[in-house]
């Protein structure tokens, strides 16, 4: 590649299985220690430290020291978006595990993608918002006046979102559903608001679980039929 940014160096970093596992472990938006990431990657502390140094130098991660520990997180939502898209590509081209893990069904239903809702419910949310005329557009999405009134009533501070550096609405291709879910500032604010309301709680890893009240509220707010295979806790 003779023009534009050099993608080969980033691709080489992502292509190592241990580094890929480290980055995937950070896709839920939390900051993790070296020992936690070593466990997620299945490598020793020393090996994990070497991988983290390379990812940090490439600006894919940011590091913060607190007390005796050093915490790492993804450097931004764009890193998570690329990883989500790569997962979708792997799914489409057949680069999947022969045996599915015990959390696979739960991850497909609802999971966190950096800081917003993904999976079956995330896709349903965006489709419901578009069907109601709250959001228009597919790739370059914008809020309608109806949408502004709706999300303000939901408790979202749109003026604050519009001051931020990230887009208010952004389509994020969902690896398991092969359709887009809602990212951007609005996607993050909606998930935060649903957690505040007690609709959703975090489970192990990236899994999100909807409560019974949350399932009813979610489906009513976005005019959704009961999501197939959904399980409320």
Protein backbone atom coordinates (compact mmCIF):
# COMPACT_ATOMS: atom_id res chain seq x y z
CA UNK A 1 0.00 0.00 0.00
CA UNK A 2 1.66 3.18 -1.22
CA UNK A 3 -0.98 5.73 -0.25
CA UNK A 4 -2.80 6.59 2.95
CA UNK A 5 -2.20 5.22 6.45
CA UNK A 6 -0.14 2.06 6.83
CA UNK A 7 -2.64 -0.63 7.80
CA UNK A 8 -0.19 -3.55 7.73
CA UNK A 9 1.41 -2.67 11.08
CA UNK A 10 -1.97 -2.42 12.83
CA UNK A 11 -3.17 -5.62 11.14
CA UNK A 12 -0.03 -7.43 12.31
CA UNK A 13 -0.73 -6.40 15.91
CA UNK A 14 -4.34 -7.58 15.72
CA UNK A 15 -3.31 -10.82 14.01
CA UNK A 16 -1.57 -12.29 17.05
CA UNK A 17 -4.05 -14.53 18.96
CA UNK A 18 -2.91 -13.37 22.41
CA UNK A 19 -3.13 -9.69 21.48
CA UNK A 20 -6.51 -10.27 19.85
CA UNK A 21 -7.75 -11.85 23.10
CA UNK A 22 -6.39 -8.92 25.11
CA UNK A 23 -8.21 -6.39 22.92
CA UNK A 24 -11.42 -8.42 22.96
CA UNK A 25 -11.33 -8.59 26.76
CA UNK A 26 -11.29 -4.78 26.81
CA UNK A 27 -14.29 -4.39 24.52
CA UNK A 28 -16.64 -4.01 27.47
CA UNK A 29 -15.12 -0.59 28.17
CA UNK A 30 -13.54 -1.48 31.50
CA UNK A 31 -9.90 -0.99 32.45
CA UNK A 32 -8.09 -4.23 33.36
CA UNK A 33 -4.76 -5.02 35.00
CA UNK A 34 -1.86 -6.87 33.40
CA UNK A 35 -2.65 -10.03 35.38
CA UNK A 36 -6.32 -9.93 34.33
CA UNK A 37 -5.35 -9.50 30.69
CA UNK A 38 -2.72 -12.24 30.92
CA UNK A 39 -5.44 -14.60 32.13
CA UNK A 40 -7.78 -13.51 29.32
CA UNK A 41 -5.04 -14.08 26.75
CA UNK A 42 -3.85 -17.37 28.27
CA UNK A 43 -0.24 -16.21 28.54
CA UNK A 44 2.25 -15.46 31.29
CA UNK A 45 2.53 -12.05 32.92
CA UNK A 46 5.83 -11.40 31.20
CA UNK A 47 4.42 -12.27 27.77
CA UNK A 48 1.31 -10.17 28.42
CA UNK A 49 3.47 -7.21 29.40
CA UNK A 50 5.31 -7.46 26.09
CA UNK A 51 2.07 -7.56 24.12
CA UNK A 52 0.64 -4.62 26.08
CA UNK A 53 3.75 -2.54 25.44
CA UNK A 54 3.32 -3.04 21.68
CA UNK A 55 -0.40 -2.23 21.76
CA UNK A 56 0.23 0.83 23.91
CA UNK A 57 2.99 2.05 21.58
CA UNK A 58 0.61 1.69 18.62
CA UNK A 59 -1.99 3.86 20.45
CA UNK A 60 -4.54 1.04 20.49
CA UNK A 61 -4.53 1.15 24.30
CA UNK A 62 -4.16 3.74 27.02
CA UNK A 63 -2.57 2.97 30.38
CA UNK A 64 -3.20 4.45 33.81
CA UNK A 65 -1.34 3.68 37.04
CA UNK A 66 -3.22 3.48 40.35
CA UNK A 67 -1.33 2.33 43.40
CA UNK A 68 0.55 -0.86 42.65
CA UNK A 69 -1.41 -1.66 39.53
CA UNK A 70 -1.35 -0.44 35.97
CA UNK A 71 -4.71 -0.46 34.20
CA UNK A 72 -5.26 -0.71 30.46
CA UNK A 73 -8.28 0.17 28.33
CA UNK A 74 -8.98 0.64 24.63
CA UNK A 75 -7.87 4.04 23.42
CA UNK A 76 -11.29 4.83 21.99
CA UNK A 77 -14.61 3.54 20.65
CA UNK A 78 -13.17 3.39 17.11
CA UNK A 79 -10.89 0.52 18.21
CA UNK A 80 -13.92 -1.40 19.50
CA UNK A 81 -15.80 -0.68 16.27
CA UNK A 82 -12.96 -2.16 14.19
CA UNK A 83 -12.82 -5.24 16.41
CA UNK A 84 -16.61 -5.70 16.15
CA UNK A 85 -16.38 -5.46 12.35
CA UNK A 86 -13.54 -8.01 12.27
CA UNK A 87 -15.64 -10.39 14.35
CA UNK A 88 -18.42 -10.02 11.78
CA UNK A 89 -15.98 -10.74 8.96
CA UNK A 90 -14.68 -13.82 10.79
CA UNK A 91 -18.26 -15.00 11.32
CA UNK A 92 -19.16 -14.51 7.64
CA UNK A 93 -16.05 -16.22 6.29
CA UNK A 94 -16.30 -19.22 8.61
CA UNK A 95 -13.42 -18.39 10.95
CA UNK A 96 -15.36 -19.54 14.00
CA UNK A 97 -14.75 -21.94 16.88
CA UNK A 98 -15.76 -25.55 16.32
CA UNK A 99 -17.28 -25.63 19.81
CA UNK A 100 -19.33 -22.71 21.05
CA UNK A 101 -18.78 -21.52 24.60
CA UNK A 102 -21.44 -21.45 27.32
CA UNK A 103 -21.84 -17.66 27.02
CA UNK A 104 -22.26 -17.56 23.23
CA UNK A 105 -26.09 -17.46 23.29
CA UNK A 106 -26.10 -14.73 25.94
CA UNK A 107 -23.55 -12.69 23.99
CA UNK A 108 -25.69 -12.90 20.88
CA UNK A 109 -28.77 -11.74 22.80
CA UNK A 110 -27.29 -8.67 24.53
CA UNK A 111 -23.73 -7.58 25.15
CA UNK A 112 -21.74 -4.42 25.63
CA UNK A 113 -19.70 -3.09 22.72
CA UNK A 114 -17.29 -0.69 24.43
CA UNK A 115 -20.06 1.44 25.97
CA UNK A 116 -23.26 0.73 24.02
CA UNK A 117 -25.77 -2.08 23.58
CA UNK A 118 -25.00 -4.73 20.96
CA UNK A 119 -26.36 -8.10 19.95
CA UNK A 120 -29.96 -8.95 19.07
CA UNK A 121 -31.36 -6.33 21.40
CA UNK A 122 -28.99 -3.63 20.18
CA UNK A 123 -30.03 -4.21 16.58
CA UNK A 124 -33.71 -4.28 17.62
CA UNK A 125 -33.29 -0.94 19.41
CA UNK A 126 -31.93 0.78 16.31
CA UNK A 127 -34.55 -0.75 14.01
CA UNK A 128 -37.30 0.26 16.44
CA UNK A 129 -35.99 3.83 16.61
CA UNK A 130 -35.83 4.02 12.81
CA UNK A 131 -39.29 2.51 12.42
CA UNK A 132 -40.73 5.14 14.77
CA UNK A 133 -39.02 7.93 12.86
CA UNK A 134 -36.73 8.86 15.76
CA UNK A 135 -33.55 8.32 13.71
CA UNK A 136 -33.25 8.53 9.95
CA UNK A 137 -30.51 7.36 7.65
CA UNK A 138 -28.60 4.11 7.50
CA UNK A 139 -24.91 4.97 7.49
CA UNK A 140 -24.98 8.71 8.18
CA UNK A 141 -27.70 8.75 10.82
CA UNK A 142 -29.31 11.85 12.30
CA UNK A 143 -31.93 12.51 14.96
CA UNK A 144 -35.29 13.79 13.79
CA UNK A 145 -37.23 16.40 15.77
CA UNK A 146 -39.46 13.57 16.98
CA UNK A 147 -36.33 11.69 18.03
CA UNK A 148 -34.94 14.66 19.92
CA UNK A 149 -38.16 14.97 21.90
CA UNK A 150 -38.26 11.21 22.57
CA UNK A 151 -34.69 10.84 23.79
CA UNK A 152 -34.86 14.04 25.86
CA UNK A 153 -37.94 12.55 27.53
CA UNK A 154 -35.95 9.37 28.14
CA UNK A 155 -33.49 11.43 30.17
CA UNK A 156 -30.74 11.96 27.58
CA UNK A 157 -28.91 15.30 27.64
CA UNK A 158 -28.63 15.85 23.89
CA UNK A 159 -26.99 19.26 24.21
CA UNK A 160 -24.15 17.67 26.18
CA UNK A 161 -23.79 14.86 23.63
CA UNK A 162 -23.54 17.37 20.80
CA UNK A 163 -20.61 19.07 22.53
CA UNK A 164 -18.62 15.83 22.51
CA UNK A 165 -16.05 14.78 19.92
CA UNK A 166 -17.79 11.57 18.88
CA UNK A 167 -20.87 11.50 16.62
CA UNK A 168 -24.23 11.55 18.40
CA UNK A 169 -25.51 8.66 16.26
CA UNK A 170 -23.28 6.11 14.61
CA UNK A 171 -24.02 2.79 12.94
CA UNK A 172 -21.86 -0.02 14.32
CA UNK A 173 -22.00 -3.30 12.37
CA UNK A 174 -22.99 -6.07 14.76
CA UNK A 175 -20.86 -9.21 14.36
CA UNK A 176 -23.55 -11.70 15.44
CA UNK A 177 -26.62 -10.10 13.83
CA UNK A 178 -24.91 -8.82 10.65
CA UNK A 179 -26.98 -5.64 10.93
CA UNK A 180 -26.06 -2.35 12.57
CA UNK A 181 -26.69 -1.44 16.19
CA UNK A 182 -26.59 2.10 17.58
CA UNK A 183 -23.19 3.41 18.66
CA UNK A 184 -21.94 6.94 19.13
CA UNK A 185 -22.73 9.21 22.03
CA UNK A 186 -26.44 8.40 21.96
CA UNK A 187 -25.86 4.64 22.05
CA UNK A 188 -23.62 5.05 25.10
CA UNK A 189 -26.05 7.40 26.84
CA UNK A 190 -29.00 5.06 26.23
CA UNK A 191 -27.22 2.06 27.74
CA UNK A 192 -26.16 4.15 30.74
CA UNK A 193 -29.74 5.35 31.21
CA UNK A 194 -31.15 1.82 30.96
CA UNK A 195 -28.69 0.68 33.61
CA UNK A 196 -29.69 3.60 35.84
CA UNK A 197 -33.32 2.56 35.48
CA UNK A 198 -32.48 -1.00 36.47
CA UNK A 199 -33.46 -2.38 33.08
CA UNK A 200 -30.06 -3.92 32.41
CA UNK A 201 -27.25 -5.30 34.53
CA UNK A 202 -23.76 -6.41 33.65
CA UNK A 203 -22.90 -10.08 33.86
CA UNK A 204 -19.50 -11.75 33.47
CA UNK A 205 -17.42 -10.47 30.60
CA UNK A 206 -19.40 -8.57 27.96
CA UNK A 207 -22.80 -10.13 28.68
CA UNK A 208 -25.73 -7.86 29.54
CA UNK A 209 -28.86 -9.23 31.19
CA UNK A 210 -32.25 -7.53 31.00
CA UNK A 211 -34.50 -7.66 34.06
CA UNK A 212 -38.20 -8.52 33.68
CA UNK A 213 -39.06 -4.85 34.16
CA UNK A 214 -36.32 -3.88 31.73
CA UNK A 215 -37.59 -6.24 29.03
CA UNK A 216 -41.09 -4.78 29.28
CA UNK A 217 -39.83 -1.19 29.35
CA UNK A 218 -37.41 -1.75 26.48
CA UNK A 219 -40.00 -3.37 24.23
CA UNK A 220 -42.62 -0.72 25.04
CA UNK A 221 -40.26 2.23 24.51
CA UNK A 222 -39.09 1.05 21.11
CA UNK A 223 -42.38 -0.59 20.08
CA UNK A 224 -40.82 -4.00 19.77
CA UNK A 225 -42.34 -7.46 19.75
CA UNK A 226 -40.87 -9.83 22.34
CA UNK A 227 -37.30 -10.46 21.21
CA UNK A 228 -36.95 -14.09 20.15
CA UNK A 229 -35.00 -16.21 22.55
CA UNK A 230 -34.81 -13.39 25.08
CA UNK A 231 -34.32 -14.25 28.72
CA UNK A 232 -35.14 -11.81 31.48
CA UNK A 233 -33.51 -12.18 34.87
